């Protein structure tokens, strides 16, 4: 049992500490720069929308006001079986060049993007969520990355609004800050492993249609890498989105994303070949596969600590730390006033992420797939 204890602890340390530190250190040695430049290729902004009447107007006005030549930009909204005022709002902007496509019956975001990509004329496809508001210079910054011919996909920086409004917002913001630091390092290594789905762009020539159940924010970047191009992070391209205010909404979203990511990893197992994809195979294994399955060593670490607690001080301390951590994670459910303290935010969101991954793994084992999504509520 002591072997289980040390192996599980080592895996957890590797996933959450060793890999990020190694990536940061390697980035200081192996630096592949992105040769960005102020270019203005034709762009198509693709927005998949299902019942988004509360936020679509603001999003379209935001994109139309972007600092980018109007004649070099088109906006395509795909209404995915919407039953509210989404279609009517999109039609209000028809005179300003907004194109509305209707997808019936509802098939999900990935199918909507496939439909929009077939209609798009721009050299660069920009993917925006229906509630994503870009900073004034975000579009120019994002597109500037494609001045480098090695870049096939670029992602920007996502900032959650309503700071400190809710525990899940605080946890999400902390998670995103850590991810952004890691994305900077991974970009220097060659390519990032994860992207922000609300502010992304790809060369239209590299876009390949995906199955409706595949996660576009994950599968498409992996396919771009498979074609020999880089996927990079550009922090100068900033997008703002409201955070989820309810922990249950955040949990459901994480389950859905984790489930689709697990299917994507199986679909793209060829990228784990280090002889062909080099350093990126290590990144994909460490940042995604081991991260999504970290609940396994977490569970084994707790069980082995419990069984060994009376066989040494090390095991007793390890068990005590875990019990305290999970108690802190439970505080928000108890309505305690200390729920906004940093250790509680960290413990709770860490537990939420791993519980969602475990739930997703269970659904994956059952063969469940999800193509449609519920719009984020903030």
Protein backbone atom coordinates (compact mmCIF):
# COMPACT_ATOMS: atom_id res chain seq x y z
CA UNK A 1 0.00 0.00 0.00
CA UNK A 2 2.93 2.34 0.62
CA UNK A 3 3.84 1.91 -3.06
CA UNK A 4 0.36 3.14 -4.03
CA UNK A 5 0.79 6.10 -1.69
CA UNK A 6 4.10 7.23 -3.15
CA UNK A 7 3.20 6.55 -6.78
CA UNK A 8 -0.09 8.46 -6.53
CA UNK A 9 1.62 11.35 -4.72
CA UNK A 10 4.34 11.45 -7.37
CA UNK A 11 1.75 11.56 -10.18
CA UNK A 12 -0.13 14.41 -8.52
CA UNK A 13 3.08 16.34 -7.95
CA UNK A 14 4.05 15.83 -11.57
CA UNK A 15 0.70 17.00 -12.98
CA UNK A 16 0.27 20.10 -10.83
CA UNK A 17 3.85 21.15 -10.06
CA UNK A 18 6.59 19.37 -11.99
CA UNK A 19 5.15 19.71 -15.49
CA UNK A 20 4.33 23.45 -15.21
CA UNK A 21 7.77 24.16 -13.73
CA UNK A 22 9.53 22.09 -16.41
CA UNK A 23 7.56 23.83 -19.15
CA UNK A 24 8.48 27.25 -17.75
CA UNK A 25 12.15 26.32 -17.47
CA UNK A 26 12.32 24.75 -20.93
CA UNK A 27 10.67 27.85 -22.39
CA UNK A 28 13.72 29.82 -21.27
CA UNK A 29 15.93 27.52 -23.33
CA UNK A 30 13.80 26.43 -26.30
CA UNK A 31 12.17 29.65 -27.45
CA UNK A 32 10.31 29.67 -30.76
CA UNK A 33 9.21 33.24 -31.33
CA UNK A 34 6.02 34.24 -33.11
CA UNK A 35 6.85 36.71 -35.87
CA UNK A 36 3.67 38.78 -35.66
CA UNK A 37 3.06 41.86 -37.79
CA UNK A 38 0.19 44.33 -38.38
CA UNK A 39 -1.64 42.65 -41.26
CA UNK A 40 -5.30 42.86 -42.33
CA UNK A 41 -6.30 39.69 -44.19
CA UNK A 42 -9.99 39.10 -44.83
CA UNK A 43 -11.62 37.58 -41.75
CA UNK A 44 -14.89 35.78 -41.08
CA UNK A 45 -16.18 35.96 -37.50
CA UNK A 46 -18.24 32.84 -36.76
CA UNK A 47 -20.76 32.86 -33.91
CA UNK A 48 -22.81 29.80 -32.96
CA UNK A 49 -25.91 30.80 -31.01
CA UNK A 50 -28.70 28.92 -29.31
CA UNK A 51 -31.29 31.07 -27.51
CA UNK A 52 -28.83 33.94 -27.00
CA UNK A 53 -31.21 36.90 -27.20
CA UNK A 54 -29.92 38.34 -23.91
CA UNK A 55 -26.36 38.84 -25.17
CA UNK A 56 -26.25 38.57 -28.97
CA UNK A 57 -27.00 42.24 -29.72
CA UNK A 58 -24.14 43.44 -27.53
CA UNK A 59 -21.81 40.89 -29.13
CA UNK A 60 -22.68 41.93 -32.68
CA UNK A 61 -22.31 45.63 -31.86
CA UNK A 62 -18.96 44.83 -30.27
CA UNK A 63 -17.69 43.01 -33.37
CA UNK A 64 -18.95 45.73 -35.73
CA UNK A 65 -17.11 48.36 -33.70
CA UNK A 66 -13.84 46.43 -33.73
CA UNK A 67 -10.73 48.24 -34.92
CA UNK A 68 -10.56 46.42 -38.24
CA UNK A 69 -11.37 47.44 -41.85
CA UNK A 70 -15.09 46.81 -42.40
CA UNK A 71 -14.52 45.72 -45.99
CA UNK A 72 -12.13 43.02 -44.77
CA UNK A 73 -14.54 41.54 -42.23
CA UNK A 74 -17.71 39.46 -42.34
CA UNK A 75 -19.82 38.18 -39.47
CA UNK A 76 -21.78 34.93 -39.67
CA UNK A 77 -24.29 33.95 -36.99
CA UNK A 78 -25.56 30.38 -36.99
CA UNK A 79 -28.80 30.10 -35.03
CA UNK A 80 -28.80 26.53 -33.79
CA UNK A 81 -32.49 25.75 -33.42
CA UNK A 82 -33.08 28.95 -31.42
CA UNK A 83 -36.63 29.47 -30.19
CA UNK A 84 -36.26 32.97 -28.74
CA UNK A 85 -35.39 36.29 -30.38
CA UNK A 86 -31.90 35.27 -31.53
CA UNK A 87 -32.80 35.21 -35.23
CA UNK A 88 -34.63 38.53 -35.13
CA UNK A 89 -31.67 40.24 -33.45
CA UNK A 90 -29.24 38.90 -36.05
CA UNK A 91 -31.53 40.14 -38.87
CA UNK A 92 -31.44 43.64 -37.39
CA UNK A 93 -27.79 43.83 -38.42
CA UNK A 94 -28.24 42.49 -41.95
CA UNK A 95 -27.72 45.97 -43.44
CA UNK A 96 -24.31 46.06 -41.73
CA UNK A 97 -23.29 42.79 -43.33
CA UNK A 98 -24.20 40.27 -40.64
CA UNK A 99 -25.19 36.96 -42.22
CA UNK A 100 -27.73 34.74 -40.46
CA UNK A 101 -27.74 30.99 -41.07
CA UNK A 102 -30.41 28.75 -39.56
CA UNK A 103 -29.60 25.23 -38.39
CA UNK A 104 -32.64 23.02 -37.84
CA UNK A 105 -32.98 20.73 -36.04
CA UNK A 106 -30.56 21.73 -33.33
CA UNK A 107 -27.21 19.94 -33.78
CA UNK A 108 -24.79 21.78 -31.48
CA UNK A 109 -21.92 24.23 -31.71
CA UNK A 110 -19.56 22.05 -33.73
CA UNK A 111 -22.10 21.41 -36.49
CA UNK A 112 -22.92 25.13 -36.49
CA UNK A 113 -19.27 26.04 -36.99
CA UNK A 114 -18.98 23.49 -39.80
CA UNK A 115 -21.95 25.14 -41.52
CA UNK A 116 -20.54 28.64 -41.04
CA UNK A 117 -17.06 27.63 -42.24
CA UNK A 118 -18.53 26.34 -45.51
CA UNK A 119 -20.11 29.75 -46.14
CA UNK A 120 -17.20 31.87 -44.93
CA UNK A 121 -15.08 33.81 -47.41
CA UNK A 122 -12.36 35.14 -45.12
CA UNK A 123 -8.78 33.93 -45.18
CA UNK A 124 -8.91 33.75 -41.38
CA UNK A 125 -11.80 32.22 -39.44
CA UNK A 126 -12.38 33.84 -36.06
CA UNK A 127 -14.44 31.91 -33.50
CA UNK A 128 -16.43 33.93 -30.99
CA UNK A 129 -18.94 32.88 -28.37
CA UNK A 130 -22.29 34.63 -28.42
CA UNK A 131 -21.44 36.38 -25.16
CA UNK A 132 -17.79 37.24 -25.90
CA UNK A 133 -16.95 40.94 -25.99
CA UNK A 134 -13.58 41.75 -27.58
CA UNK A 135 -11.32 44.58 -26.48
CA UNK A 136 -11.10 47.26 -29.23
CA UNK A 137 -7.78 46.03 -30.61
CA UNK A 138 -8.33 42.32 -29.96
CA UNK A 139 -9.15 41.36 -33.54
CA UNK A 140 -6.09 43.08 -34.98
CA UNK A 141 -3.90 41.53 -32.29
CA UNK A 142 -5.27 38.05 -32.91
CA UNK A 143 -4.87 38.28 -36.67
CA UNK A 144 -1.34 39.70 -36.42
CA UNK A 145 -0.13 36.24 -35.36
CA UNK A 146 -0.82 34.91 -38.85
CA UNK A 147 1.91 37.08 -40.32
CA UNK A 148 4.07 34.18 -39.19
CA UNK A 149 3.60 31.47 -41.87
CA UNK A 150 4.24 28.74 -39.27
CA UNK A 151 1.17 29.75 -37.25
CA UNK A 152 -2.05 27.97 -38.15
CA UNK A 153 -4.17 28.73 -35.09
CA UNK A 154 -4.14 31.53 -32.52
CA UNK A 155 -5.96 31.96 -29.24
CA UNK A 156 -6.37 35.06 -27.11
CA UNK A 157 -6.76 35.83 -23.43
CA UNK A 158 -10.12 35.35 -21.76
CA UNK A 159 -10.98 37.64 -18.85
CA UNK A 160 -13.99 36.95 -16.67
CA UNK A 161 -16.04 39.93 -15.62
CA UNK A 162 -18.04 40.27 -12.39
CA UNK A 163 -14.84 39.89 -10.38
CA UNK A 164 -15.44 38.56 -6.87
CA UNK A 165 -19.16 38.17 -7.60
CA UNK A 166 -19.20 34.48 -6.81
CA UNK A 167 -17.00 31.69 -5.58
CA UNK A 168 -17.00 29.95 -8.95
CA UNK A 169 -15.93 33.21 -10.62
CA UNK A 170 -12.99 33.53 -8.22
CA UNK A 171 -12.01 29.92 -8.77
CA UNK A 172 -12.36 30.19 -12.53
CA UNK A 173 -10.33 33.40 -12.67
CA UNK A 174 -7.53 31.83 -10.63
CA UNK A 175 -7.59 28.75 -12.86
CA UNK A 176 -7.43 30.89 -16.01
CA UNK A 177 -4.52 32.96 -14.70
CA UNK A 178 -2.53 29.79 -14.07
CA UNK A 179 -3.44 28.43 -17.49
CA UNK A 180 -2.42 31.68 -19.19
CA UNK A 181 1.03 31.54 -17.60
CA UNK A 182 1.42 27.99 -18.85
CA UNK A 183 0.19 28.98 -22.34
CA UNK A 184 2.92 31.60 -22.59
CA UNK A 185 5.51 28.93 -21.82
CA UNK A 186 3.97 26.39 -24.20
CA UNK A 187 3.88 28.94 -27.02
CA UNK A 188 7.62 29.41 -26.61
CA UNK A 189 8.04 25.65 -26.79
CA UNK A 190 6.12 25.56 -30.07
CA UNK A 191 2.38 25.12 -29.51
CA UNK A 192 -0.14 25.42 -26.71
CA UNK A 193 -2.25 22.46 -25.68
CA UNK A 194 -5.43 24.28 -24.63
CA UNK A 195 -7.17 27.31 -26.12
CA UNK A 196 -9.88 29.80 -25.15
CA UNK A 197 -12.94 29.00 -27.25
CA UNK A 198 -14.36 32.53 -27.18
CA UNK A 199 -11.45 34.25 -28.95
CA UNK A 200 -9.70 31.92 -31.41
CA UNK A 201 -8.75 32.04 -35.05
CA UNK A 202 -7.53 29.60 -37.68
CA UNK A 203 -6.48 29.73 -41.30
CA UNK A 204 -9.51 28.78 -43.36
CA UNK A 205 -7.32 26.50 -45.48
CA UNK A 206 -6.62 24.40 -42.37
CA UNK A 207 -10.21 24.07 -41.19
CA UNK A 208 -11.48 20.50 -41.43
CA UNK A 209 -15.12 19.62 -40.66
CA UNK A 210 -15.61 17.85 -37.35
CA UNK A 211 -18.20 15.41 -36.04
CA UNK A 212 -21.02 17.10 -34.16
CA UNK A 213 -19.95 15.45 -30.89
CA UNK A 214 -16.33 16.63 -31.11
CA UNK A 215 -15.09 19.57 -29.05
CA UNK A 216 -14.07 22.24 -31.60
CA UNK A 217 -11.91 24.21 -29.13
CA UNK A 218 -9.76 21.11 -28.69
CA UNK A 219 -10.02 18.98 -31.83
CA UNK A 220 -9.45 21.75 -34.38
CA UNK A 221 -6.20 23.01 -32.78
CA UNK A 222 -4.93 19.42 -32.60
CA UNK A 223 -5.71 18.93 -36.28
CA UNK A 224 -3.83 22.12 -37.12
CA UNK A 225 -0.80 20.76 -35.27
CA UNK A 226 -1.20 17.46 -37.10
CA UNK A 227 -0.94 19.40 -40.38
CA UNK A 228 2.42 20.79 -39.30
CA UNK A 229 1.42 24.27 -38.08
CA UNK A 230 1.72 25.94 -34.70
CA UNK A 231 -1.07 26.79 -32.25
CA UNK A 232 -0.07 29.87 -30.29
CA UNK A 233 -1.34 32.06 -27.45
CA UNK A 234 -1.52 35.83 -27.99
CA UNK A 235 -2.28 37.59 -24.68
CA UNK A 236 -2.71 40.93 -26.47
CA UNK A 237 -6.00 39.65 -27.93
CA UNK A 238 -8.39 40.07 -25.01
CA UNK A 239 -12.00 38.93 -24.71
CA UNK A 240 -14.40 39.49 -21.83
CA UNK A 241 -17.10 37.05 -20.71
CA UNK A 242 -19.33 36.91 -17.64
CA UNK A 243 -18.39 34.12 -15.28
CA UNK A 244 -20.85 31.48 -14.26
CA UNK A 245 -22.46 32.60 -11.01
CA UNK A 246 -23.76 29.22 -9.91
CA UNK A 247 -21.44 26.38 -8.97
CA UNK A 248 -23.87 23.88 -10.46
CA UNK A 249 -23.60 25.62 -13.86
CA UNK A 250 -19.80 25.60 -13.65
CA UNK A 251 -19.83 21.92 -12.70
CA UNK A 252 -22.09 20.95 -15.62
CA UNK A 253 -19.92 22.91 -18.03
CA UNK A 254 -16.76 21.23 -16.74
CA UNK A 255 -18.33 17.77 -17.05
CA UNK A 256 -19.34 18.48 -20.65
CA UNK A 257 -15.94 19.88 -21.63
CA UNK A 258 -14.08 17.05 -19.91
CA UNK A 259 -16.24 14.39 -21.55
CA UNK A 260 -15.72 15.81 -25.03
CA UNK A 261 -12.01 16.28 -24.36
CA UNK A 262 -11.64 12.61 -23.39
CA UNK A 263 -13.28 11.58 -26.65
CA UNK A 264 -10.99 13.99 -28.52
CA UNK A 265 -7.88 12.50 -26.91
CA UNK A 266 -8.96 9.05 -28.07
CA UNK A 267 -9.66 10.37 -31.57
CA UNK A 268 -6.25 12.03 -31.75
CA UNK A 269 -4.07 9.36 -30.12
CA UNK A 270 -1.62 9.64 -33.03
CA UNK A 271 -0.46 12.96 -31.56
CA UNK A 272 1.05 11.05 -28.64
CA UNK A 273 3.78 9.78 -31.00
CA UNK A 274 6.96 11.62 -29.89
CA UNK A 275 8.88 10.47 -32.97
CA UNK A 276 6.54 12.52 -35.13
CA UNK A 277 5.31 15.31 -32.87
CA UNK A 278 8.25 15.65 -30.49
CA UNK A 279 7.83 17.88 -27.48
CA UNK A 280 4.14 18.42 -28.13
CA UNK A 281 3.40 14.75 -27.40
CA UNK A 282 4.84 15.24 -23.91
CA UNK A 283 2.81 18.43 -23.48
CA UNK A 284 -0.42 16.73 -24.55
CA UNK A 285 0.18 13.81 -22.21
CA UNK A 286 1.10 15.99 -19.24
CA UNK A 287 -1.26 18.94 -19.64
CA UNK A 288 -4.35 17.13 -20.84
CA UNK A 289 -4.45 13.34 -20.45
CA UNK A 290 -2.88 13.23 -16.99
CA UNK A 291 -4.78 16.35 -15.91
CA UNK A 292 -8.17 14.93 -16.92
CA UNK A 293 -7.42 11.65 -15.16
CA UNK A 294 -5.83 13.14 -12.03
CA UNK A 295 -8.89 12.12 -10.00
CA UNK A 296 -7.53 8.54 -10.06
CA UNK A 297 -4.29 9.25 -8.16
CA UNK A 298 -6.24 11.69 -5.96
CA UNK A 299 -8.56 8.89 -4.88
CA UNK A 300 -5.73 6.38 -4.47
CA UNK A 301 -3.70 8.90 -2.48
CA UNK A 302 -6.59 9.45 -0.07
CA UNK A 303 -7.36 5.74 0.35
CA UNK A 304 -3.72 4.76 0.84
CA UNK A 305 -3.25 7.61 3.35
CA UNK A 306 -6.31 6.41 5.24
CA UNK A 307 -5.10 2.82 5.42
CA UNK A 308 -1.55 3.81 6.37
CA UNK A 309 -2.39 6.62 8.80
CA UNK A 310 -1.38 4.54 11.84
CA UNK A 311 1.84 3.27 10.26
CA UNK A 312 3.91 6.43 10.29
CA UNK A 313 3.84 10.18 10.82
CA UNK A 314 4.22 10.91 7.11
CA UNK A 315 1.02 9.05 6.27
CA UNK A 316 -0.87 10.63 9.17
CA UNK A 317 0.14 14.14 8.11
CA UNK A 318 -0.81 13.41 4.50
CA UNK A 319 -4.25 12.22 5.57
CA UNK A 320 -4.74 15.23 7.84
CA UNK A 321 -3.85 17.66 5.04
CA UNK A 322 -6.31 16.00 2.69
CA UNK A 323 -9.10 15.98 5.24
CA UNK A 324 -8.55 19.67 5.95
CA UNK A 325 -8.49 20.42 2.24
CA UNK A 326 -11.76 18.64 1.54
CA UNK A 327 -13.36 20.26 4.58
CA UNK A 328 -12.37 23.66 3.23
CA UNK A 329 -13.77 22.68 -0.16
CA UNK A 330 -17.13 21.90 1.49
CA UNK A 331 -17.46 25.27 3.25
CA UNK A 332 -19.40 27.01 0.43
CA UNK A 333 -22.13 24.37 0.66
CA UNK A 334 -22.43 25.08 4.37
CA UNK A 335 -22.94 28.82 3.86
CA UNK A 336 -20.02 29.71 6.13
CA UNK A 337 -18.81 33.33 6.12
CA UNK A 338 -15.22 32.32 5.39
CA UNK A 339 -16.15 30.95 1.97
CA UNK A 340 -14.38 33.82 0.15
CA UNK A 341 -10.98 33.16 1.71
CA UNK A 342 -8.31 32.20 -0.82
CA UNK A 343 -7.59 28.69 0.59
CA UNK A 344 -11.31 27.90 0.43
CA UNK A 345 -11.66 29.17 -3.14
CA UNK A 346 -8.64 27.13 -4.19
CA UNK A 347 -9.73 23.94 -2.41
CA UNK A 348 -13.29 24.16 -3.65
CA UNK A 349 -12.49 24.81 -7.31
CA UNK A 350 -9.74 22.17 -7.32
CA UNK A 351 -12.23 19.63 -5.97
CA UNK A 352 -14.92 20.74 -8.41
CA UNK A 353 -12.60 20.29 -11.41
CA UNK A 354 -11.54 16.80 -10.40
CA UNK A 355 -15.07 15.73 -9.48
CA UNK A 356 -16.24 16.90 -12.90
CA UNK A 357 -13.41 14.96 -14.57
CA UNK A 358 -14.37 11.81 -12.65
CA UNK A 359 -18.01 12.25 -13.64
CA UNK A 360 -16.98 12.75 -17.27
CA UNK A 361 -14.79 9.63 -17.20
CA UNK A 362 -17.76 7.63 -15.93
CA UNK A 363 -19.91 8.94 -18.79
CA UNK A 364 -17.10 8.22 -21.25
CA UNK A 365 -16.89 4.62 -20.05
CA UNK A 366 -20.63 4.32 -20.73
CA UNK A 367 -20.06 5.57 -24.28
CA UNK A 368 -22.01 8.79 -23.79
CA UNK A 369 -21.41 11.69 -26.19
CA UNK A 370 -22.76 15.24 -26.13
CA UNK A 371 -23.20 17.45 -29.16
CA UNK A 372 -25.53 20.16 -27.91
CA UNK A 373 -24.85 22.60 -25.13
CA UNK A 374 -26.67 24.88 -22.75
CA UNK A 375 -25.75 28.57 -23.14
CA UNK A 376 -23.60 29.90 -20.31
CA UNK A 377 -25.46 32.00 -17.78
CA UNK A 378 -23.70 34.73 -15.90
